[in-house]
Amino acid sequence: MATKEKNIWVFLIFILSGIVVGGLLGVLAEKISWLWWLSYGEQFGFTNPVTLDLSVIKFTFGLWIKINVASIIGMILAVFIYRKV
């Protein structure tokens, strides 16, 4: 019996695309009165980015994540589609 090898990178691409597409749909859905709940979510991250100044080069590190209901649904759909592929 032949088995399919599933690659972790393909899985991560599926998950990230589900989050991005879901997040975009959530932002678009907030303008529609009966789909407002898809845009409900939370955002978290660094309020002030961390800066490392080495005199010759300056690095600024920051991370901001905004997750909503639509991005969670997109992530779940991505996992379901990945398992079917």
PDB file of N, CA and C in Angstrom:
ATOM      1  N   MET A   1       0.846  -1.170   0.000  1.00  0.00           N
ATOM      2  CA  MET A   1       0.000   0.000   0.000  1.00  0.00           C
ATOM      3  C   MET A   1       0.902   1.246   0.000  1.00  0.00           C
ATOM      4  N   ALA A   2       0.695   2.099  -0.968  1.00  0.00           N
ATOM      5  CA  ALA A   2       1.488   3.326  -1.081  1.00  0.00           C
ATOM      6  C   ALA A   2       0.940   4.388  -0.134  1.00  0.00           C
ATOM      7  N   THR A   3       1.856   5.121   0.487  1.00  0.00           N
ATOM      8  CA  THR A   3       1.448   6.207   1.380  1.00  0.00           C
ATOM      9  C   THR A   3       1.913   7.535   0.811  1.00  0.00           C
ATOM     10  N   LYS A   4       1.159   8.566   1.101  1.00  0.00           N
ATOM     11  CA  LYS A   4       1.541   9.907   0.684  1.00  0.00           C
ATOM     12  C   LYS A   4       2.387  10.536   1.779  1.00  0.00           C
ATOM     13  N   GLU A   5       3.507  11.094   1.391  1.00  0.00           N
ATOM     14  CA  GLU A   5       4.307  11.850   2.343  1.00  0.00           C
ATOM     15  C   GLU A   5       3.803  13.277   2.363  1.00  0.00           C
ATOM     16  N   LYS A   6       3.548  13.785   3.545  1.00  0.00           N
ATOM     17  CA  LYS A   6       3.069  15.152   3.667  1.00  0.00           C
ATOM     18  C   LYS A   6       4.198  16.009   4.217  1.00  0.00           C
ATOM     19  N   ASN A   7       4.430  17.103   3.546  1.00  0.00           N
ATOM     20  CA  ASN A   7       5.529  17.989   3.875  1.00  0.00           C
ATOM     21  C   ASN A   7       5.066  19.045   4.869  1.00  0.00           C
ATOM     22  N   ILE A   8       5.881  19.327   5.876  1.00  0.00           N
ATOM     23  CA  ILE A   8       5.537  20.321   6.894  1.00  0.00           C
ATOM     24  C   ILE A   8       5.473  21.718   6.294  1.00  0.00           C
ATOM     25  N   TRP A   9       6.290  22.001   5.275  1.00  0.00           N
ATOM     26  CA  TRP A   9       6.279  23.329   4.648  1.00  0.00           C
ATOM     27  C   TRP A   9       4.969  23.567   3.903  1.00  0.00           C
ATOM     28  N   VAL A  10       4.454  22.541   3.254  1.00  0.00           N
ATOM     29  CA  VAL A  10       3.162  22.670   2.571  1.00  0.00           C
ATOM     30  C   VAL A  10       2.066  22.906   3.596  1.00  0.00           C
ATOM     31  N   PHE A  11       2.148  22.216   4.718  1.00  0.00           N
ATOM     32  CA  PHE A  11       1.178  22.414   5.787  1.00  0.00           C
ATOM     33  C   PHE A  11       1.214  23.850   6.311  1.00  0.00           C
ATOM     34  N   LEU A  12       2.405  24.382   6.542  1.00  0.00           N
ATOM     35  CA  LEU A  12       2.534  25.757   7.026  1.00  0.00           C
ATOM     36  C   LEU A  12       2.013  26.766   6.009  1.00  0.00           C
ATOM     37  N   ILE A  13       2.240  26.505   4.725  1.00  0.00           N
ATOM     38  CA  ILE A  13       1.719  27.387   3.686  1.00  0.00           C
ATOM     39  C   ILE A  13       0.196  27.354   3.680  1.00  0.00           C
ATOM     40  N   PHE A  14      -0.388  26.173   3.835  1.00  0.00           N
ATOM     41  CA  PHE A  14      -1.845  26.056   3.916  1.00  0.00           C
ATOM     42  C   PHE A  14      -2.386  26.847   5.103  1.00  0.00           C
ATOM     43  N   ILE A  15      -1.762  26.685   6.266  1.00  0.00           N
ATOM     44  CA  ILE A  15      -2.220  27.370   7.474  1.00  0.00           C
ATOM     45  C   ILE A  15      -2.100  28.885   7.316  1.00  0.00           C
ATOM     46  N   LEU A  16      -0.958  29.366   6.854  1.00  0.00           N
ATOM     47  CA  LEU A  16      -0.761  30.806   6.691  1.00  0.00           C
ATOM     48  C   LEU A  16      -1.706  31.398   5.668  1.00  0.00           C
ATOM     49  N   SER A  17      -1.942  30.679   4.581  1.00  0.00           N
ATOM     50  CA  SER A  17      -2.879  31.201   3.586  1.00  0.00           C
ATOM     51  C   SER A  17      -4.297  31.220   4.144  1.00  0.00           C
ATOM     52  N   GLY A  18      -4.656  30.247   4.951  1.00  0.00           N
ATOM     53  CA  GLY A  18      -5.973  30.251   5.593  1.00  0.00           C
ATOM     54  C   GLY A  18      -6.129  31.416   6.549  1.00  0.00           C
ATOM     55  N   ILE A  19      -5.076  31.727   7.292  1.00  0.00           N
ATOM     56  CA  ILE A  19      -5.120  32.856   8.222  1.00  0.00           C
ATOM     57  C   ILE A  19      -5.221  34.175   7.464  1.00  0.00           C
ATOM     58  N   VAL A  20      -4.424  34.322   6.406  1.00  0.00           N
ATOM     59  CA  VAL A  20      -4.422  35.584   5.650  1.00  0.00           C
ATOM     60  C   VAL A  20      -5.748  35.795   4.934  1.00  0.00           C
ATOM     61  N   VAL A  21      -6.231  34.781   4.238  1.00  0.00           N
ATOM     62  CA  VAL A  21      -7.503  34.919   3.511  1.00  0.00           C
ATOM     63  C   VAL A  21      -8.649  35.119   4.493  1.00  0.00           C
ATOM     64  N   GLY A  22      -8.657  34.378   5.584  1.00  0.00           N
ATOM     65  CA  GLY A  22      -9.692  34.550   6.601  1.00  0.00           C
ATOM     66  C   GLY A  22      -9.652  35.928   7.229  1.00  0.00           C
ATOM     67  N   GLY A  23      -8.456  36.423   7.517  1.00  0.00           N
ATOM     68  CA  GLY A  23      -8.321  37.765   8.080  1.00  0.00           C
ATOM     69  C   GLY A  23      -8.818  38.834   7.122  1.00  0.00           C
ATOM     70  N   LEU A  24      -8.497  38.680   5.842  1.00  0.00           N
ATOM     71  CA  LEU A  24      -8.975  39.627   4.836  1.00  0.00           C
ATOM     72  C   LEU A  24     -10.493  39.593   4.739  1.00  0.00           C
ATOM     73  N   LEU A  25     -11.064  38.407   4.733  1.00  0.00           N
ATOM     74  CA  LEU A  25     -12.529  38.301   4.696  1.00  0.00           C
ATOM     75  C   LEU A  25     -13.163  38.882   5.956  1.00  0.00           C
ATOM     76  N   GLY A  26     -12.493  38.739   7.085  1.00  0.00           N
ATOM     77  CA  GLY A  26     -12.998  39.319   8.324  1.00  0.00           C
ATOM     78  C   GLY A  26     -13.017  40.834   8.275  1.00  0.00           C
ATOM     79  N   VAL A  27     -11.979  41.431   7.700  1.00  0.00           N
ATOM     80  CA  VAL A  27     -11.933  42.889   7.569  1.00  0.00           C
ATOM     81  C   VAL A  27     -13.019  43.369   6.606  1.00  0.00           C
ATOM     82  N   LEU A  28     -13.209  42.642   5.516  1.00  0.00           N
ATOM     83  CA  LEU A  28     -14.257  43.012   4.567  1.00  0.00           C
ATOM     84  C   LEU A  28     -15.657  42.802   5.141  1.00  0.00           C
ATOM     85  N   ALA A  29     -15.812  41.807   6.021  1.00  0.00           N
ATOM     86  CA  ALA A  29     -17.122  41.484   6.576  1.00  0.00           C
ATOM     87  C   ALA A  29     -17.583  42.480   7.631  1.00  0.00           C
ATOM     88  N   GLU A  30     -16.683  43.279   8.190  1.00  0.00           N
ATOM     89  CA  GLU A  30     -17.096  44.215   9.232  1.00  0.00           C
ATOM     90  C   GLU A  30     -17.979  45.333   8.679  1.00  0.00           C
ATOM     91  N   LYS A  31     -17.972  45.528   7.372  1.00  0.00           N
ATOM     92  CA  LYS A  31     -18.810  46.545   6.753  1.00  0.00           C
ATOM     93  C   LYS A  31     -20.222  46.037   6.471  1.00  0.00           C
ATOM     94  N   ILE A  32     -20.440  44.741   6.584  1.00  0.00           N
ATOM     95  CA  ILE A  32     -21.753  44.132   6.342  1.00  0.00           C
ATOM     96  C   ILE A  32     -22.393  43.872   7.701  1.00  0.00           C
ATOM     97  N   SER A  33     -23.588  44.403   7.875  1.00  0.00           N
ATOM     98  CA  SER A  33     -24.208  44.389   9.209  1.00  0.00           C
ATOM     99  C   SER A  33     -24.448  42.985   9.759  1.00  0.00           C
ATOM    100  N   TRP A  34     -24.838  42.039   8.945  1.00  0.00           N
ATOM    101  CA  TRP A  34     -25.147  40.704   9.463  1.00  0.00           C
ATOM    102  C   TRP A  34     -23.937  39.777   9.492  1.00  0.00           C
ATOM    103  N   LEU A  35     -22.749  40.258   9.038  1.00  0.00           N
ATOM    104  CA  LEU A  35     -21.513  39.474   9.123  1.00  0.00           C
ATOM    105  C   LEU A  35     -20.476  40.110  10.048  1.00  0.00           C
ATOM    106  N   TRP A  36     -20.908  41.042  10.899  1.00  0.00           N
ATOM    107  CA  TRP A  36     -19.979  41.755  11.781  1.00  0.00           C
ATOM    108  C   TRP A  36     -19.208  40.804  12.688  1.00  0.00           C
ATOM    109  N   TRP A  37     -19.799  39.690  13.061  1.00  0.00           N
ATOM    110  CA  TRP A  37     -19.190  38.770  14.007  1.00  0.00           C
ATOM    111  C   TRP A  37     -17.933  38.100  13.449  1.00  0.00           C
ATOM    112  N   LEU A  38     -17.777  38.062  12.116  1.00  0.00           N
ATOM    113  CA  LEU A  38     -16.562  37.492  11.531  1.00  0.00           C
ATOM    114  C   LEU A  38     -15.339  38.363  11.800  1.00  0.00           C
ATOM    115  N   SER A  39     -15.559  39.655  12.016  1.00  0.00           N
ATOM    116  CA  SER A  39     -14.433  40.555  12.266  1.00  0.00           C
ATOM    117  C   SER A  39     -14.108  40.696  13.747  1.00  0.00           C
ATOM    118  N   TYR A  40     -14.880  40.044  14.613  1.00  0.00           N
ATOM    119  CA  TYR A  40     -14.620  40.116  16.042  1.00  0.00           C
ATOM    120  C   TYR A  40     -13.306  39.401  16.346  1.00  0.00           C
ATOM    121  N   GLY A  41     -12.416  40.073  17.051  1.00  0.00           N
ATOM    122  CA  GLY A  41     -11.137  39.451  17.362  1.00  0.00           C
ATOM    123  C   GLY A  41     -10.310  40.288  18.300  1.00  0.00           C
ATOM    124  N   GLU A  42      -9.083  39.928  18.421  1.00  0.00           N
ATOM    125  CA  GLU A  42      -8.157  40.578  19.339  1.00  0.00           C
ATOM    126  C   GLU A  42      -6.826  40.776  18.636  1.00  0.00           C
ATOM    127  N   GLN A  43      -6.103  41.791  19.062  1.00  0.00           N
ATOM    128  CA  GLN A  43      -4.769  42.029  18.540  1.00  0.00           C
ATOM    129  C   GLN A  43      -3.788  42.136  19.700  1.00  0.00           C
ATOM    130  N   PHE A  44      -2.591  41.637  19.480  1.00  0.00           N
ATOM    131  CA  PHE A  44      -1.583  41.675  20.528  1.00  0.00           C
ATOM    132  C   PHE A  44      -0.200  41.738  19.898  1.00  0.00           C
ATOM    133  N   GLY A  45       0.755  42.161  20.676  1.00  0.00           N
ATOM    134  CA  GLY A  45       2.130  42.273  20.204  1.00  0.00           C
ATOM    135  C   GLY A  45       2.867  43.349  20.979  1.00  0.00           C
ATOM    136  N   PHE A  46       3.996  43.767  20.451  1.00  0.00           N
ATOM    137  CA  PHE A  46       4.781  44.826  21.068  1.00  0.00           C
ATOM    138  C   PHE A  46       4.140  46.174  20.753  1.00  0.00           C
ATOM    139  N   THR A  47       3.849  46.965  21.788  1.00  0.00           N
ATOM    140  CA  THR A  47       3.329  48.300  21.529  1.00  0.00           C
ATOM    141  C   THR A  47       4.433  49.226  21.068  1.00  0.00           C
ATOM    142  N   ASN A  48       5.621  49.058  21.622  1.00  0.00           N
ATOM    143  CA  ASN A  48       6.801  49.801  21.177  1.00  0.00           C
ATOM    144  C   ASN A  48       7.830  48.796  20.684  1.00  0.00           C
ATOM    145  N   PRO A  49       8.263  48.921  19.432  1.00  0.00           N
ATOM    146  CA  PRO A  49       9.253  47.965  18.927  1.00  0.00           C
ATOM    147  C   PRO A  49      10.572  48.062  19.683  1.00  0.00           C
ATOM    148  N   VAL A  50      11.266  46.953  19.781  1.00  0.00           N
ATOM    149  CA  VAL A  50      12.568  46.889  20.443  1.00  0.00           C
ATOM    150  C   VAL A  50      13.636  47.259  19.412  1.00  0.00           C
ATOM    151  N   THR A  51      14.509  48.196  19.766  1.00  0.00           N
ATOM    152  CA  THR A  51      15.551  48.649  18.851  1.00  0.00           C
ATOM    153  C   THR A  51      16.922  48.295  19.412  1.00  0.00           C
ATOM    154  N   LEU A  52      17.749  47.715  18.564  1.00  0.00           N
ATOM    155  CA  LEU A  52      19.132  47.385  18.913  1.00  0.00           C
ATOM    156  C   LEU A  52      20.038  48.250  18.046  1.00  0.00           C
ATOM    157  N   ASP A  53      20.725  49.201  18.673  1.00  0.00           N
ATOM    158  CA  ASP A  53      21.592  50.136  17.957  1.00  0.00           C
ATOM    159  C   ASP A  53      23.041  49.714  18.153  1.00  0.00           C
ATOM    160  N   LEU A  54      23.691  49.276  17.066  1.00  0.00           N
ATOM    161  CA  LEU A  54      25.085  48.846  17.112  1.00  0.00           C
ATOM    162  C   LEU A  54      26.021  49.902  16.523  1.00  0.00           C
ATOM    163  N   SER A  55      25.550  51.104  16.419  1.00  0.00           N
ATOM    164  CA  SER A  55      26.294  52.255  15.934  1.00  0.00           C
ATOM    165  C   SER A  55      26.514  52.217  14.419  1.00  0.00           C
ATOM    166  N   VAL A  56      26.801  51.077  13.866  1.00  0.00           N
ATOM    167  CA  VAL A  56      26.974  50.954  12.423  1.00  0.00           C
ATOM    168  C   VAL A  56      25.658  50.566  11.753  1.00  0.00           C
ATOM    169  N   ILE A  57      24.910  49.740  12.439  1.00  0.00           N
ATOM    170  CA  ILE A  57      23.634  49.255  11.919  1.00  0.00           C
ATOM    171  C   ILE A  57      22.623  49.245  13.052  1.00  0.00           C
ATOM    172  N   LYS A  58      21.388  49.506  12.699  1.00  0.00           N
ATOM    173  CA  LYS A  58      20.330  49.547  13.705  1.00  0.00           C
ATOM    174  C   LYS A  58      19.250  48.532  13.327  1.00  0.00           C
ATOM    175  N   PHE A  59      18.908  47.669  14.273  1.00  0.00           N
ATOM    176  CA  PHE A  59      17.864  46.667  14.088  1.00  0.00           C
ATOM    177  C   PHE A  59      16.637  47.077  14.894  1.00  0.00           C
ATOM    178  N   THR A  60      15.485  46.951  14.287  1.00  0.00           N
ATOM    179  CA  THR A  60      14.227  47.195  14.985  1.00  0.00           C
ATOM    180  C   THR A  60      13.377  45.941  14.882  1.00  0.00           C
ATOM    181  N   PHE A  61      12.988  45.404  16.024  1.00  0.00           N
ATOM    182  CA  PHE A  61      12.187  44.189  16.085  1.00  0.00           C
ATOM    183  C   PHE A  61      10.785  44.539  16.569  1.00  0.00           C
ATOM    184  N   GLY A  62       9.794  44.033  15.869  1.00  0.00           N
ATOM    185  CA  GLY A  62       8.428  44.261  16.288  1.00  0.00           C
ATOM    186  C   GLY A  62       7.536  43.137  15.786  1.00  0.00           C
ATOM    187  N   LEU A  63       6.483  42.886  16.513  1.00  0.00           N
ATOM    188  CA  LEU A  63       5.541  41.847  16.132  1.00  0.00           C
ATOM    189  C   LEU A  63       4.150  42.290  16.547  1.00  0.00           C
ATOM    190  N   TRP A  64       3.212  42.229  15.621  1.00  0.00           N
ATOM    191  CA  TRP A  64       1.840  42.609  15.896  1.00  0.00           C
ATOM    192  C   TRP A  64       0.942  41.602  15.214  1.00  0.00           C
ATOM    193  N   ILE A  65       0.095  40.944  15.973  1.00  0.00           N
ATOM    194  CA  ILE A  65      -0.790  39.915  15.434  1.00  0.00           C
ATOM    195  C   ILE A  65      -2.227  40.323  15.702  1.00  0.00           C
ATOM    196  N   LYS A  66      -3.034  40.275  14.660  1.00  0.00           N
ATOM    197  CA  LYS A  66      -4.463  40.546  14.791  1.00  0.00           C
ATOM    198  C   LYS A  66      -5.189  39.312  14.283  1.00  0.00           C
ATOM    199  N   ILE A  67      -5.920  38.680  15.175  1.00  0.00           N
ATOM    200  CA  ILE A  67      -6.633  37.458  14.822  1.00  0.00           C
ATOM    201  C   ILE A  67      -8.116  37.690  15.038  1.00  0.00           C
ATOM    202  N   ASN A  68      -8.925  37.201  14.101  1.00  0.00           N
ATOM    203  CA  ASN A  68     -10.371  37.349  14.214  1.00  0.00           C
ATOM    204  C   ASN A  68     -11.049  36.007  13.939  1.00  0.00           C
ATOM    205  N   VAL A  69     -12.355  35.987  14.051  1.00  0.00           N
ATOM    206  CA  VAL A  69     -13.116  34.745  13.889  1.00  0.00           C
ATOM    207  C   VAL A  69     -12.929  34.184  12.482  1.00  0.00           C
ATOM    208  N   ALA A  70     -12.925  35.050  11.476  1.00  0.00           N
ATOM    209  CA  ALA A  70     -12.777  34.585  10.098  1.00  0.00           C
ATOM    210  C   ALA A  70     -11.409  33.946   9.862  1.00  0.00           C
ATOM    211  N   SER A  71     -10.355  34.465  10.487  1.00  0.00           N
ATOM    212  CA  SER A  71      -9.037  33.860  10.307  1.00  0.00           C
ATOM    213  C   SER A  71      -8.949  32.503  10.999  1.00  0.00           C
ATOM    214  N   ILE A  72      -9.655  32.335  12.103  1.00  0.00           N
ATOM    215  CA  ILE A  72      -9.703  31.020  12.762  1.00  0.00           C
ATOM    216  C   ILE A  72     -10.452  30.018  11.892  1.00  0.00           C
ATOM    217  N   ILE A  73     -11.560  30.454  11.301  1.00  0.00           N
ATOM    218  CA  ILE A  73     -12.313  29.586  10.384  1.00  0.00           C
ATOM    219  C   ILE A  73     -11.448  29.234   9.174  1.00  0.00           C
ATOM    220  N   GLY A  74     -10.708  30.207   8.648  1.00  0.00           N
ATOM    221  CA  GLY A  74      -9.812  29.948   7.522  1.00  0.00           C
ATOM    222  C   GLY A  74      -8.730  28.956   7.873  1.00  0.00           C
ATOM    223  N   MET A  75      -8.204  29.039   9.086  1.00  0.00           N
ATOM    224  CA  MET A  75      -7.174  28.106   9.525  1.00  0.00           C
ATOM    225  C   MET A  75      -7.753  26.687   9.645  1.00  0.00           C
ATOM    226  N   ILE A  76      -8.946  26.567  10.179  1.00  0.00           N
ATOM    227  CA  ILE A  76      -9.585  25.253  10.305  1.00  0.00           C
ATOM    228  C   ILE A  76      -9.872  24.652   8.927  1.00  0.00           C
ATOM    229  N   LEU A  77     -10.363  25.478   7.997  1.00  0.00           N
ATOM    230  CA  LEU A  77     -10.600  25.004   6.640  1.00  0.00           C
ATOM    231  C   LEU A  77      -9.300  24.584   5.956  1.00  0.00           C
ATOM    232  N   ALA A  78      -8.222  25.312   6.209  1.00  0.00           N
ATOM    233  CA  ALA A  78      -6.928  24.958   5.623  1.00  0.00           C
ATOM    234  C   ALA A  78      -6.450  23.600   6.115  1.00  0.00           C
ATOM    235  N   VAL A  79      -6.627  23.328   7.399  1.00  0.00           N
ATOM    236  CA  VAL A  79      -6.238  22.020   7.944  1.00  0.00           C
ATOM    237  C   VAL A  79      -7.098  20.924   7.332  1.00  0.00           C
ATOM    238  N   PHE A  80      -8.400  21.173   7.186  1.00  0.00           N
ATOM    239  CA  PHE A  80      -9.306  20.186   6.599  1.00  0.00           C
ATOM    240  C   PHE A  80      -8.916  19.906   5.141  1.00  0.00           C
ATOM    241  N   ILE A  81      -8.636  20.954   4.371  1.00  0.00           N
ATOM    242  CA  ILE A  81      -8.249  20.765   2.968  1.00  0.00           C
ATOM    243  C   ILE A  81      -6.903  20.044   2.864  1.00  0.00           C
ATOM    244  N   TYR A  82      -5.975  20.394   3.746  1.00  0.00           N
ATOM    245  CA  TYR A  82      -4.659  19.738   3.738  1.00  0.00           C
ATOM    246  C   TYR A  82      -4.795  18.243   4.001  1.00  0.00           C
ATOM    247  N   ARG A  83      -5.660  17.887   4.927  1.00  0.00           N
ATOM    248  CA  ARG A  83      -5.831  16.464   5.245  1.00  0.00           C
ATOM    249  C   ARG A  83      -6.472  15.702   4.096  1.00  0.00           C
ATOM    250  N   LYS A  84      -7.298  16.385   3.275  1.00  0.00           N
ATOM    251  CA  LYS A  84      -7.948  15.741   2.146  1.00  0.00           C
ATOM    252  C   LYS A  84      -7.027  15.615   0.933  1.00  0.00           C
ATOM    253  N   VAL A  85      -6.013  16.466   0.882  1.00  0.00           N
ATOM    254  CA  VAL A  85      -5.130  16.461  -0.300  1.00  0.00           C
ATOM    255  C   VAL A  85      -4.148  15.352  -0.231  1.00  0.00           C
TER     256      VAL A  85
END
